[in-house]
Amino acid sequence: MTSAPMSVAARIAWFVGLAGHLAVLVWYLASGLLAPLWAVIGLLAIWAALLIVGLRLWRTKPTWMLAVPVVAVVIWFGVISAGERFLGWTA
C-alpha cells in the first residue's frame, strides 16, 4: 500500500510551522530572565515535546504543524503569566 504524495502546499505549511516553532524557542530561552531555572527547564521540555509532535505530523497531517507554534506561544504566555501572578516572578 502506497501513500498519496504530499502536496506542495502541505510541505510549505509544515516548513512555515516549523520555522515558527523554532522562532518561539527564543522566548522559551529568554524565560530565564523572569522565571526560575526549574520553570525554564520545564518550559524547554514542553517545547521539545511540541517539536516531536510537529516532526511526527510530517507523515500524517503536515498542515497541522501551523498550530504547533500557536500552542507553544499560548503555553509560554500562560506559564509566565501564572508565575508572575501566583508565584511572584519578576524581572
PDB file of N, CA and C in Angstrom:
ATOM      1  N   MET A   1       0.834  -1.163   0.000  1.00  0.00           N
ATOM      2  CA  MET A   1       0.000   0.000   0.000  1.00  0.00           C
ATOM      3  C   MET A   1       0.889   1.240   0.000  1.00  0.00           C
ATOM      4  N   THR A   2       0.693   2.118  -0.959  1.00  0.00           N
ATOM      5  CA  THR A   2       1.480   3.333  -1.039  1.00  0.00           C
ATOM      6  C   THR A   2       0.624   4.522  -0.622  1.00  0.00           C
ATOM      7  N   SER A   3       1.271   5.485  -0.033  1.00  0.00           N
ATOM      8  CA  SER A   3       0.536   6.674   0.378  1.00  0.00           C
ATOM      9  C   SER A   3       0.538   7.695  -0.747  1.00  0.00           C
ATOM     10  N   ALA A   4      -0.450   8.556  -0.725  1.00  0.00           N
ATOM     11  CA  ALA A   4      -0.537   9.602  -1.738  1.00  0.00           C
ATOM     12  C   ALA A   4       0.589  10.604  -1.516  1.00  0.00           C
ATOM     13  N   PRO A   5       1.133  11.147  -2.588  1.00  0.00           N
ATOM     14  CA  PRO A   5       2.204  12.129  -2.416  1.00  0.00           C
ATOM     15  C   PRO A   5       1.682  13.399  -1.734  1.00  0.00           C
ATOM     16  N   MET A   6       2.540  13.998  -0.945  1.00  0.00           N
ATOM     17  CA  MET A   6       2.180  15.204  -0.213  1.00  0.00           C
ATOM     18  C   MET A   6       2.167  16.398  -1.161  1.00  0.00           C
ATOM     19  N   SER A   7       1.177  17.255  -1.030  1.00  0.00           N
ATOM     20  CA  SER A   7       1.089  18.428  -1.894  1.00  0.00           C
ATOM     21  C   SER A   7       2.169  19.441  -1.521  1.00  0.00           C
ATOM     22  N   VAL A   8       2.463  20.299  -2.472  1.00  0.00           N
ATOM     23  CA  VAL A   8       3.453  21.342  -2.241  1.00  0.00           C
ATOM     24  C   VAL A   8       2.966  22.291  -1.149  1.00  0.00           C
ATOM     25  N   ALA A   9       1.670  22.600  -1.158  1.00  0.00           N
ATOM     26  CA  ALA A   9       1.116  23.495  -0.136  1.00  0.00           C
ATOM     27  C   ALA A   9       1.264  22.888   1.257  1.00  0.00           C
ATOM     28  N   ALA A  10       1.062  21.584   1.395  1.00  0.00           N
ATOM     29  CA  ALA A  10       1.209  20.925   2.692  1.00  0.00           C
ATOM     30  C   ALA A  10       2.655  20.970   3.156  1.00  0.00           C
ATOM     31  N   ARG A  11       3.576  20.786   2.237  1.00  0.00           N
ATOM     32  CA  ARG A  11       5.008  20.859   2.597  1.00  0.00           C
ATOM     33  C   ARG A  11       5.380  22.267   3.052  1.00  0.00           C
ATOM     34  N   ILE A  12       4.907  23.260   2.314  1.00  0.00           N
ATOM     35  CA  ILE A  12       5.202  24.649   2.675  1.00  0.00           C
ATOM     36  C   ILE A  12       4.608  24.971   4.039  1.00  0.00           C
ATOM     37  N   ALA A  13       3.373  24.534   4.275  1.00  0.00           N
ATOM     38  CA  ALA A  13       2.725  24.783   5.569  1.00  0.00           C
ATOM     39  C   ALA A  13       3.525  24.153   6.699  1.00  0.00           C
ATOM     40  N   TRP A  14       4.030  22.941   6.484  1.00  0.00           N
ATOM     41  CA  TRP A  14       4.805  22.275   7.528  1.00  0.00           C
ATOM     42  C   TRP A  14       6.089  23.058   7.828  1.00  0.00           C
ATOM     43  N   PHE A  15       6.777  23.485   6.774  1.00  0.00           N
ATOM     44  CA  PHE A  15       8.025  24.220   6.982  1.00  0.00           C
ATOM     45  C   PHE A  15       7.782  25.583   7.624  1.00  0.00           C
ATOM     46  N   VAL A  16       6.691  26.245   7.270  1.00  0.00           N
ATOM     47  CA  VAL A  16       6.349  27.518   7.906  1.00  0.00           C
ATOM     48  C   VAL A  16       6.067  27.294   9.390  1.00  0.00           C
ATOM     49  N   GLY A  17       5.318  26.240   9.703  1.00  0.00           N
ATOM     50  CA  GLY A  17       5.048  25.912  11.101  1.00  0.00           C
ATOM     51  C   GLY A  17       6.319  25.585  11.866  1.00  0.00           C
ATOM     52  N   LEU A  18       7.218  24.847  11.235  1.00  0.00           N
ATOM     53  CA  LEU A  18       8.493  24.509  11.883  1.00  0.00           C
ATOM     54  C   LEU A  18       9.315  25.773  12.136  1.00  0.00           C
ATOM     55  N   ALA A  19       9.357  26.665  11.153  1.00  0.00           N
ATOM     56  CA  ALA A  19      10.094  27.918  11.335  1.00  0.00           C
ATOM     57  C   ALA A  19       9.490  28.740  12.472  1.00  0.00           C
ATOM     58  N   GLY A  20       8.172  28.764  12.549  1.00  0.00           N
ATOM     59  CA  GLY A  20       7.513  29.475  13.641  1.00  0.00           C
ATOM     60  C   GLY A  20       7.836  28.868  14.987  1.00  0.00           C
ATOM     61  N   HIS A  21       7.858  27.539  15.039  1.00  0.00           N
ATOM     62  CA  HIS A  21       8.171  26.870  16.303  1.00  0.00           C
ATOM     63  C   HIS A  21       9.619  27.132  16.708  1.00  0.00           C
ATOM     64  N   LEU A  22      10.516  27.141  15.769  1.00  0.00           N
ATOM     65  CA  LEU A  22      11.915  27.451  16.077  1.00  0.00           C
ATOM     66  C   LEU A  22      12.058  28.896  16.544  1.00  0.00           C
ATOM     67  N   ALA A  23      11.259  29.803  15.993  1.00  0.00           N
ATOM     68  CA  ALA A  23      11.307  31.205  16.419  1.00  0.00           C
ATOM     69  C   ALA A  23      10.812  31.357  17.858  1.00  0.00           C
ATOM     70  N   VAL A  24       9.844  30.555  18.246  1.00  0.00           N
ATOM     71  CA  VAL A  24       9.306  30.609  19.605  1.00  0.00           C
ATOM     72  C   VAL A  24      10.364  30.161  20.622  1.00  0.00           C
ATOM     73  N   LEU A  25      11.338  29.376  20.189  1.00  0.00           N
ATOM     74  CA  LEU A  25      12.388  28.912  21.089  1.00  0.00           C
ATOM     75  C   LEU A  25      13.104  30.089  21.752  1.00  0.00           C
ATOM     76  N   VAL A  26      13.220  31.209  21.059  1.00  0.00           N
ATOM     77  CA  VAL A  26      13.870  32.396  21.629  1.00  0.00           C
ATOM     78  C   VAL A  26      13.129  32.834  22.892  1.00  0.00           C
ATOM     79  N   TRP A  27      11.799  32.845  22.861  1.00  0.00           N
ATOM     80  CA  TRP A  27      11.014  33.224  24.037  1.00  0.00           C
ATOM     81  C   TRP A  27      11.244  32.244  25.169  1.00  0.00           C
ATOM     82  N   TYR A  28      11.257  30.964  24.835  1.00  0.00           N
ATOM     83  CA  TYR A  28      11.438  29.942  25.867  1.00  0.00           C
ATOM     84  C   TYR A  28      12.816  30.077  26.517  1.00  0.00           C
ATOM     85  N   LEU A  29      13.837  30.345  25.737  1.00  0.00           N
ATOM     86  CA  LEU A  29      15.183  30.507  26.289  1.00  0.00           C
ATOM     87  C   LEU A  29      15.296  31.790  27.108  1.00  0.00           C
ATOM     88  N   ALA A  30      14.614  32.832  26.677  1.00  0.00           N
ATOM     89  CA  ALA A  30      14.670  34.109  27.389  1.00  0.00           C
ATOM     90  C   ALA A  30      13.839  34.095  28.671  1.00  0.00           C
ATOM     91  N   SER A  31      13.100  33.043  28.902  1.00  0.00           N
ATOM     92  CA  SER A  31      12.280  32.947  30.110  1.00  0.00           C
ATOM     93  C   SER A  31      13.120  32.981  31.373  1.00  0.00           C
ATOM     94  N   GLY A  32      14.380  32.655  31.263  1.00  0.00           N
ATOM     95  CA  GLY A  32      15.274  32.679  32.408  1.00  0.00           C
ATOM     96  C   GLY A  32      15.451  34.069  32.997  1.00  0.00           C
ATOM     97  N   LEU A  33      15.100  35.099  32.238  1.00  0.00           N
ATOM     98  CA  LEU A  33      15.170  36.461  32.759  1.00  0.00           C
ATOM     99  C   LEU A  33      14.049  36.736  33.759  1.00  0.00           C
ATOM    100  N   LEU A  34      13.017  35.905  33.725  1.00  0.00           N
ATOM    101  CA  LEU A  34      11.852  36.124  34.581  1.00  0.00           C
ATOM    102  C   LEU A  34      11.549  34.933  35.481  1.00  0.00           C
ATOM    103  N   ALA A  35      11.703  33.740  34.951  1.00  0.00           N
ATOM    104  CA  ALA A  35      11.309  32.522  35.666  1.00  0.00           C
ATOM    105  C   ALA A  35      12.525  31.843  36.288  1.00  0.00           C
ATOM    106  N   PRO A  36      12.297  31.057  37.343  1.00  0.00           N
ATOM    107  CA  PRO A  36      13.408  30.298  37.933  1.00  0.00           C
ATOM    108  C   PRO A  36      13.845  29.163  37.018  1.00  0.00           C
ATOM    109  N   LEU A  37      15.007  28.615  37.315  1.00  0.00           N
ATOM    110  CA  LEU A  37      15.596  27.582  36.472  1.00  0.00           C
ATOM    111  C   LEU A  37      14.671  26.383  36.283  1.00  0.00           C
ATOM    112  N   TRP A  38      14.010  25.936  37.355  1.00  0.00           N
ATOM    113  CA  TRP A  38      13.146  24.763  37.243  1.00  0.00           C
ATOM    114  C   TRP A  38      12.002  25.015  36.258  1.00  0.00           C
ATOM    115  N   ALA A  39      11.504  26.246  36.212  1.00  0.00           N
ATOM    116  CA  ALA A  39      10.422  26.568  35.281  1.00  0.00           C
ATOM    117  C   ALA A  39      10.938  26.631  33.850  1.00  0.00           C
ATOM    118  N   VAL A  40      12.123  27.158  33.667  1.00  0.00           N
ATOM    119  CA  VAL A  40      12.705  27.229  32.321  1.00  0.00           C
ATOM    120  C   VAL A  40      12.966  25.819  31.789  1.00  0.00           C
ATOM    121  N   ILE A  41      13.461  24.944  32.627  1.00  0.00           N
ATOM    122  CA  ILE A  41      13.687  23.553  32.209  1.00  0.00           C
ATOM    123  C   ILE A  41      12.368  22.900  31.828  1.00  0.00           C
ATOM    124  N   GLY A  42      11.333  23.128  32.613  1.00  0.00           N
ATOM    125  CA  GLY A  42      10.017  22.591  32.287  1.00  0.00           C
ATOM    126  C   GLY A  42       9.480  23.143  30.985  1.00  0.00           C
ATOM    127  N   LEU A  43       9.639  24.444  30.779  1.00  0.00           N
ATOM    128  CA  LEU A  43       9.189  25.052  29.523  1.00  0.00           C
ATOM    129  C   LEU A  43       9.949  24.481  28.330  1.00  0.00           C
ATOM    130  N   LEU A  44      11.256  24.295  28.482  1.00  0.00           N
ATOM    131  CA  LEU A  44      12.042  23.729  27.377  1.00  0.00           C
ATOM    132  C   LEU A  44      11.645  22.278  27.094  1.00  0.00           C
ATOM    133  N   ALA A  45      11.267  21.536  28.127  1.00  0.00           N
ATOM    134  CA  ALA A  45      10.779  20.168  27.922  1.00  0.00           C
ATOM    135  C   ALA A  45       9.461  20.182  27.143  1.00  0.00           C
ATOM    136  N   ILE A  46       8.598  21.128  27.466  1.00  0.00           N
ATOM    137  CA  ILE A  46       7.337  21.257  26.720  1.00  0.00           C
ATOM    138  C   ILE A  46       7.622  21.637  25.279  1.00  0.00           C
ATOM    139  N   TRP A  47       8.541  22.578  25.073  1.00  0.00           N
ATOM    140  CA  TRP A  47       8.897  22.982  23.709  1.00  0.00           C
ATOM    141  C   TRP A  47       9.417  21.780  22.916  1.00  0.00           C
ATOM    142  N   ALA A  48      10.281  20.988  23.529  1.00  0.00           N
ATOM    143  CA  ALA A  48      10.838  19.808  22.850  1.00  0.00           C
ATOM    144  C   ALA A  48       9.747  18.789  22.540  1.00  0.00           C
ATOM    145  N   ALA A  49       8.811  18.602  23.454  1.00  0.00           N
ATOM    146  CA  ALA A  49       7.702  17.676  23.202  1.00  0.00           C
ATOM    147  C   ALA A  49       6.860  18.161  22.030  1.00  0.00           C
ATOM    148  N   LEU A  50       6.625  19.457  21.960  1.00  0.00           N
ATOM    149  CA  LEU A  50       5.877  20.005  20.825  1.00  0.00           C
ATOM    150  C   LEU A  50       6.661  19.844  19.521  1.00  0.00           C
ATOM    151  N   LEU A  51       7.979  19.934  19.586  1.00  0.00           N
ATOM    152  CA  LEU A  51       8.794  19.700  18.391  1.00  0.00           C
ATOM    153  C   LEU A  51       8.641  18.268  17.912  1.00  0.00           C
ATOM    154  N   ILE A  52       8.654  17.330  18.830  1.00  0.00           N
ATOM    155  CA  ILE A  52       8.467  15.920  18.455  1.00  0.00           C
ATOM    156  C   ILE A  52       7.100  15.705  17.828  1.00  0.00           C
ATOM    157  N   VAL A  53       6.083  16.308  18.412  1.00  0.00           N
ATOM    158  CA  VAL A  53       4.739  16.215  17.824  1.00  0.00           C
ATOM    159  C   VAL A  53       4.758  16.782  16.402  1.00  0.00           C
ATOM    160  N   GLY A  54       5.385  17.928  16.243  1.00  0.00           N
ATOM    161  CA  GLY A  54       5.461  18.549  14.924  1.00  0.00           C
ATOM    162  C   GLY A  54       6.199  17.708  13.904  1.00  0.00           C
ATOM    163  N   LEU A  55       7.274  17.079  14.327  1.00  0.00           N
ATOM    164  CA  LEU A  55       8.022  16.219  13.407  1.00  0.00           C
ATOM    165  C   LEU A  55       7.195  15.003  12.991  1.00  0.00           C
ATOM    166  N   ARG A  56       6.405  14.490  13.911  1.00  0.00           N
ATOM    167  CA  ARG A  56       5.540  13.345  13.585  1.00  0.00           C
ATOM    168  C   ARG A  56       4.396  13.744  12.655  1.00  0.00           C
ATOM    169  N   LEU A  57       4.006  15.000  12.707  1.00  0.00           N
ATOM    170  CA  LEU A  57       2.925  15.476  11.839  1.00  0.00           C
ATOM    171  C   LEU A  57       3.329  15.472  10.363  1.00  0.00           C
ATOM    172  N   TRP A  58       4.614  15.419  10.082  1.00  0.00           N
ATOM    173  CA  TRP A  58       5.105  15.412   8.697  1.00  0.00           C
ATOM    174  C   TRP A  58       4.429  14.314   7.883  1.00  0.00           C
ATOM    175  N   ARG A  59       4.284  13.131   8.459  1.00  0.00           N
ATOM    176  CA  ARG A  59       3.723  11.992   7.725  1.00  0.00           C
ATOM    177  C   ARG A  59       2.205  11.965   7.714  1.00  0.00           C
ATOM    178  N   THR A  60       1.578  12.434   8.770  1.00  0.00           N
ATOM    179  CA  THR A  60       0.129  12.267   8.884  1.00  0.00           C
ATOM    180  C   THR A  60      -0.657  13.506   8.461  1.00  0.00           C
ATOM    181  N   LYS A  61      -0.420  14.620   9.105  1.00  0.00           N
ATOM    182  CA  LYS A  61      -1.169  15.845   8.827  1.00  0.00           C
ATOM    183  C   LYS A  61      -0.220  17.039   8.854  1.00  0.00           C
ATOM    184  N   PRO A  62       0.543  17.253   7.787  1.00  0.00           N
ATOM    185  CA  PRO A  62       1.576  18.297   7.806  1.00  0.00           C
ATOM    186  C   PRO A  62       1.031  19.708   7.994  1.00  0.00           C
ATOM    187  N   THR A  63      -0.186  19.988   7.555  1.00  0.00           N
ATOM    188  CA  THR A  63      -0.704  21.351   7.714  1.00  0.00           C
ATOM    189  C   THR A  63      -1.003  21.676   9.174  1.00  0.00           C
ATOM    190  N   TRP A  64      -1.179  20.670  10.005  1.00  0.00           N
ATOM    191  CA  TRP A  64      -1.422  20.905  11.435  1.00  0.00           C
ATOM    192  C   TRP A  64      -0.196  21.471  12.133  1.00  0.00           C
ATOM    193  N   MET A  65       0.948  21.390  11.482  1.00  0.00           N
ATOM    194  CA  MET A  65       2.176  21.947  12.058  1.00  0.00           C
ATOM    195  C   MET A  65       2.036  23.451  12.268  1.00  0.00           C
ATOM    196  N   LEU A  66       1.150  24.079  11.512  1.00  0.00           N
ATOM    197  CA  LEU A  66       0.926  25.510  11.684  1.00  0.00           C
ATOM    198  C   LEU A  66       0.372  25.826  13.073  1.00  0.00           C
ATOM    199  N   ALA A  67      -0.294  24.873  13.694  1.00  0.00           N
ATOM    200  CA  ALA A  67      -0.864  25.091  15.025  1.00  0.00           C
ATOM    201  C   ALA A  67       0.172  24.928  16.137  1.00  0.00           C
ATOM    202  N   VAL A  68       1.252  24.226  15.870  1.00  0.00           N
ATOM    203  CA  VAL A  68       2.238  23.937  16.918  1.00  0.00           C
ATOM    204  C   VAL A  68       2.854  25.216  17.500  1.00  0.00           C
ATOM    205  N   PRO A  69       3.314  26.181  16.693  1.00  0.00           N
ATOM    206  CA  PRO A  69       3.863  27.391  17.317  1.00  0.00           C
ATOM    207  C   PRO A  69       2.806  28.203  18.055  1.00  0.00           C
ATOM    208  N   VAL A  70       1.569  28.150  17.589  1.00  0.00           N
ATOM    209  CA  VAL A  70       0.487  28.860  18.285  1.00  0.00           C
ATOM    210  C   VAL A  70       0.276  28.254  19.671  1.00  0.00           C
ATOM    211  N   VAL A  71       0.234  26.937  19.729  1.00  0.00           N
ATOM    212  CA  VAL A  71       0.088  26.244  21.013  1.00  0.00           C
ATOM    213  C   VAL A  71       1.284  26.561  21.908  1.00  0.00           C
ATOM    214  N   ALA A  72       2.478  26.595  21.336  1.00  0.00           N
ATOM    215  CA  ALA A  72       3.682  26.891  22.119  1.00  0.00           C
ATOM    216  C   ALA A  72       3.615  28.291  22.725  1.00  0.00           C
ATOM    217  N   VAL A  73       3.137  29.264  21.967  1.00  0.00           N
ATOM    218  CA  VAL A  73       3.026  30.638  22.479  1.00  0.00           C
ATOM    219  C   VAL A  73       1.980  30.713  23.583  1.00  0.00           C
ATOM    220  N   VAL A  74       0.851  30.039  23.390  1.00  0.00           N
ATOM    221  CA  VAL A  74      -0.205  30.046  24.405  1.00  0.00           C
ATOM    222  C   VAL A  74       0.301  29.426  25.709  1.00  0.00           C
ATOM    223  N   ILE A  75       1.012  28.308  25.604  1.00  0.00           N
ATOM    224  CA  ILE A  75       1.553  27.657  26.804  1.00  0.00           C
ATOM    225  C   ILE A  75       2.578  28.563  27.484  1.00  0.00           C
ATOM    226  N   TRP A  76       3.480  29.135  26.705  1.00  0.00           N
ATOM    227  CA  TRP A  76       4.508  30.005  27.282  1.00  0.00           C
ATOM    228  C   TRP A  76       3.875  31.192  27.992  1.00  0.00           C
ATOM    229  N   PHE A  77       2.949  31.842  27.320  1.00  0.00           N
ATOM    230  CA  PHE A  77       2.300  33.015  27.910  1.00  0.00           C
ATOM    231  C   PHE A  77       1.529  32.632  29.169  1.00  0.00           C
ATOM    232  N   GLY A  78       0.854  31.500  29.137  1.00  0.00           N
ATOM    233  CA  GLY A  78       0.097  31.047  30.302  1.00  0.00           C
ATOM    234  C   GLY A  78       0.987  30.745  31.489  1.00  0.00           C
ATOM    235  N   VAL A  79       2.099  30.054  31.245  1.00  0.00           N
ATOM    236  CA  VAL A  79       3.018  29.701  32.335  1.00  0.00           C
ATOM    237  C   VAL A  79       3.669  30.959  32.915  1.00  0.00           C
ATOM    238  N   ILE A  80       4.141  31.838  32.060  1.00  0.00           N
ATOM    239  CA  ILE A  80       4.800  33.054  32.542  1.00  0.00           C
ATOM    240  C   ILE A  80       3.808  33.951  33.286  1.00  0.00           C
ATOM    241  N   SER A  81       2.602  34.085  32.745  1.00  0.00           N
ATOM    242  CA  SER A  81       1.592  34.911  33.410  1.00  0.00           C
ATOM    243  C   SER A  81       1.198  34.329  34.764  1.00  0.00           C
ATOM    244  N   ALA A  82       1.021  33.011  34.819  1.00  0.00           N
ATOM    245  CA  ALA A  82       0.674  32.356  36.079  1.00  0.00           C
ATOM    246  C   ALA A  82       1.814  32.495  37.089  1.00  0.00           C
ATOM    247  N   GLY A  83       3.047  32.371  36.614  1.00  0.00           N
ATOM    248  CA  GLY A  83       4.195  32.535  37.510  1.00  0.00           C
ATOM    249  C   GLY A  83       4.277  33.935  38.086  1.00  0.00           C
ATOM    250  N   GLU A  84       4.017  34.925  37.250  1.00  0.00           N
ATOM    251  CA  GLU A  84       4.030  36.304  37.736  1.00  0.00           C
ATOM    252  C   GLU A  84       2.914  36.542  38.754  1.00  0.00           C
ATOM    253  N   ARG A  85       1.738  36.060  38.442  1.00  0.00           N
ATOM    254  CA  ARG A  85       0.566  36.340  39.287  1.00  0.00           C
ATOM    255  C   ARG A  85       0.586  35.554  40.602  1.00  0.00           C
ATOM    256  N   PHE A  86       0.875  34.266  40.522  1.00  0.00           N
ATOM    257  CA  PHE A  86       0.727  33.405  41.689  1.00  0.00           C
ATOM    258  C   PHE A  86       2.039  33.091  42.420  1.00  0.00           C
ATOM    259  N   LEU A  87       3.167  33.173  41.708  1.00  0.00           N
ATOM    260  CA  LEU A  87       4.436  32.797  42.335  1.00  0.00           C
ATOM    261  C   LEU A  87       5.385  33.981  42.527  1.00  0.00           C
ATOM    262  N   GLY A  88       4.963  35.148  42.069  1.00  0.00           N
ATOM    263  CA  GLY A  88       5.755  36.346  42.299  1.00  0.00           C
ATOM    264  C   GLY A  88       6.995  36.483  41.438  1.00  0.00           C
ATOM    265  N   TRP A  89       7.006  35.858  40.267  1.00  0.00           N
ATOM    266  CA  TRP A  89       8.159  36.002  39.389  1.00  0.00           C
ATOM    267  C   TRP A  89       8.212  37.447  38.878  1.00  0.00           C
ATOM    268  N   THR A  90       9.373  38.053  38.987  1.00  0.00           N
ATOM    269  CA  THR A  90       9.567  39.399  38.459  1.00  0.00           C
ATOM    270  C   THR A  90      10.919  39.479  37.778  1.00  0.00           C
ATOM    271  N   ALA A  91      11.018  40.393  36.872  1.00  0.00           N
ATOM    272  CA  ALA A  91      12.283  40.562  36.132  1.00  0.00           C
ATOM    273  C   ALA A  91      13.277  41.344  36.955  1.00  0.00           C
TER     274      ALA A  91
END
